[in-house]
Amino acid sequence: MIKFNTLVLDQYGNSGRISKCFDDFSACAMSARTMTGEEWLAAQEIPFSAEQLEEVWYSVELEVGGSIWSPESSLTLL
């Protein structure tokens, strides 16, 4: 089960800890400060499916610094 501070691996192989949980991607997009949610999606190297946008999304604080957003299906528990 994914919860606050859980250690996870993202689809690019980066590890980090869960810092926030969102009901779906639209909730993440509302917290964006420098671009719209649509701009962020367009910039992704590996596109997300429509189904993934409806999943629970997480903010992950990466061990190497920085943070990412990711749907639950793109995270692996460590």
C-alpha atoms as a PDB file:
ATOM      1  CA  MET A   1       0.000   0.000   0.000  1.00  0.00           C
ATOM      2  CA  ILE A   2       1.345   3.421  -0.960  1.00  0.00           C
ATOM      3  CA  LYS A   3       1.171   6.033   1.793  1.00  0.00           C
ATOM      4  CA  PHE A   4       3.108   9.088   2.997  1.00  0.00           C
ATOM      5  CA  ASN A   5       6.891   8.490   3.117  1.00  0.00           C
ATOM      6  CA  THR A   6       6.712   5.134   1.268  1.00  0.00           C
ATOM      7  CA  LEU A   7       9.883   4.466  -0.754  1.00  0.00           C
ATOM      8  CA  VAL A   8       9.082   3.953  -4.459  1.00  0.00           C
ATOM      9  CA  LEU A   9      10.773   3.630  -7.849  1.00  0.00           C
ATOM     10  CA  ASP A  10       9.321   5.577 -10.812  1.00  0.00           C
ATOM     11  CA  GLN A  11       9.092   4.518 -14.471  1.00  0.00           C
ATOM     12  CA  TYR A  12      12.476   6.137 -15.222  1.00  0.00           C
ATOM     13  CA  GLY A  13      14.301   4.255 -12.430  1.00  0.00           C
ATOM     14  CA  ASN A  14      14.404   7.137  -9.914  1.00  0.00           C
ATOM     15  CA  SER A  15      13.771   6.342  -6.265  1.00  0.00           C
ATOM     16  CA  GLY A  16      12.154   8.589  -3.732  1.00  0.00           C
ATOM     17  CA  ARG A  17       9.555   8.955  -1.020  1.00  0.00           C
ATOM     18  CA  ILE A  18       5.855   9.804  -1.331  1.00  0.00           C
ATOM     19  CA  SER A  19       5.160  13.341  -0.116  1.00  0.00           C
ATOM     20  CA  LYS A  20       1.584  14.000  -1.336  1.00  0.00           C
ATOM     21  CA  CYS A  21      -1.405  12.127  -2.716  1.00  0.00           C
ATOM     22  CA  PHE A  22      -3.886  13.446  -5.321  1.00  0.00           C
ATOM     23  CA  ASP A  23      -7.268  12.031  -6.374  1.00  0.00           C
ATOM     24  CA  ASP A  24      -6.277  12.140 -10.064  1.00  0.00           C
ATOM     25  CA  PHE A  25      -4.079  14.116 -12.465  1.00  0.00           C
ATOM     26  CA  SER A  26      -6.376  17.143 -12.513  1.00  0.00           C
ATOM     27  CA  ALA A  27      -5.657  17.663  -8.798  1.00  0.00           C
ATOM     28  CA  CYS A  28      -1.892  17.620  -9.537  1.00  0.00           C
ATOM     29  CA  ALA A  29      -2.319  20.030 -12.415  1.00  0.00           C
ATOM     30  CA  MET A  30      -4.049  22.548 -10.160  1.00  0.00           C
ATOM     31  CA  SER A  31      -0.907  22.699  -8.009  1.00  0.00           C
ATOM     32  CA  ALA A  32       1.428  23.500 -10.948  1.00  0.00           C
ATOM     33  CA  ARG A  33       3.204  26.846 -10.666  1.00  0.00           C
ATOM     34  CA  THR A  34       5.260  27.268 -13.840  1.00  0.00           C
ATOM     35  CA  MET A  35       3.104  25.609 -16.530  1.00  0.00           C
ATOM     36  CA  THR A  36      -0.376  24.240 -17.060  1.00  0.00           C
ATOM     37  CA  GLY A  37      -1.162  20.570 -16.566  1.00  0.00           C
ATOM     38  CA  GLU A  38      -1.552  20.153 -20.327  1.00  0.00           C
ATOM     39  CA  GLU A  39       1.887  21.709 -20.931  1.00  0.00           C
ATOM     40  CA  TRP A  40       3.403  19.371 -18.346  1.00  0.00           C
ATOM     41  CA  LEU A  41       1.794  16.316 -19.974  1.00  0.00           C
ATOM     42  CA  ALA A  42       3.030  17.373 -23.431  1.00  0.00           C
ATOM     43  CA  ALA A  43       6.608  17.611 -22.118  1.00  0.00           C
ATOM     44  CA  GLN A  44       6.714  14.024 -20.820  1.00  0.00           C
ATOM     45  CA  GLU A  45       9.145  11.594 -22.443  1.00  0.00           C
ATOM     46  CA  ILE A  46       6.839   8.635 -21.769  1.00  0.00           C
ATOM     47  CA  PRO A  47       3.205   9.700 -22.340  1.00  0.00           C
ATOM     48  CA  PHE A  48       0.503   8.796 -19.818  1.00  0.00           C
ATOM     49  CA  SER A  49      -2.680   7.037 -20.946  1.00  0.00           C
ATOM     50  CA  ALA A  50      -6.165   8.437 -20.378  1.00  0.00           C
ATOM     51  CA  GLU A  51      -6.694   5.678 -17.803  1.00  0.00           C
ATOM     52  CA  GLN A  52      -3.578   6.736 -15.891  1.00  0.00           C
ATOM     53  CA  LEU A  53      -4.824  10.319 -15.718  1.00  0.00           C
ATOM     54  CA  GLU A  54      -7.841   9.028 -13.757  1.00  0.00           C
ATOM     55  CA  GLU A  55      -5.728   7.040 -11.262  1.00  0.00           C
ATOM     56  CA  VAL A  56      -4.505   8.239  -7.885  1.00  0.00           C
ATOM     57  CA  TRP A  57      -1.379  10.375  -8.436  1.00  0.00           C
ATOM     58  CA  TYR A  58       1.525  11.001  -6.075  1.00  0.00           C
ATOM     59  CA  SER A  59       4.187  13.609  -5.574  1.00  0.00           C
ATOM     60  CA  VAL A  60       7.524  11.888  -4.978  1.00  0.00           C
ATOM     61  CA  GLU A  61      10.552  13.616  -3.431  1.00  0.00           C
ATOM     62  CA  LEU A  62      13.478  12.031  -5.277  1.00  0.00           C
ATOM     63  CA  GLU A  63      16.580  10.850  -3.429  1.00  0.00           C
ATOM     64  CA  VAL A  64      18.781  12.674  -5.973  1.00  0.00           C
ATOM     65  CA  GLY A  65      16.870  15.918  -5.419  1.00  0.00           C
ATOM     66  CA  GLY A  66      13.763  17.424  -6.920  1.00  0.00           C
ATOM     67  CA  SER A  67      10.314  15.926  -7.145  1.00  0.00           C
ATOM     68  CA  ILE A  68       8.016  14.304  -9.670  1.00  0.00           C
ATOM     69  CA  TRP A  69       4.344  13.483 -10.137  1.00  0.00           C
ATOM     70  CA  SER A  70       3.391   9.945 -11.010  1.00  0.00           C
ATOM     71  CA  PRO A  71       0.261   7.791 -11.280  1.00  0.00           C
ATOM     72  CA  GLU A  72       0.114   4.790  -8.974  1.00  0.00           C
ATOM     73  CA  SER A  73       0.545   2.287 -11.846  1.00  0.00           C
ATOM     74  CA  SER A  74       3.938   3.830 -12.747  1.00  0.00           C
ATOM     75  CA  LEU A  75       5.390   3.348  -9.262  1.00  0.00           C
ATOM     76  CA  THR A  76       7.017   0.266  -7.782  1.00  0.00           C
ATOM     77  CA  LEU A  77       7.243  -0.200  -4.006  1.00  0.00           C
ATOM     78  CA  LEU A  78      10.773  -0.644  -2.685  1.00  0.00           C
END
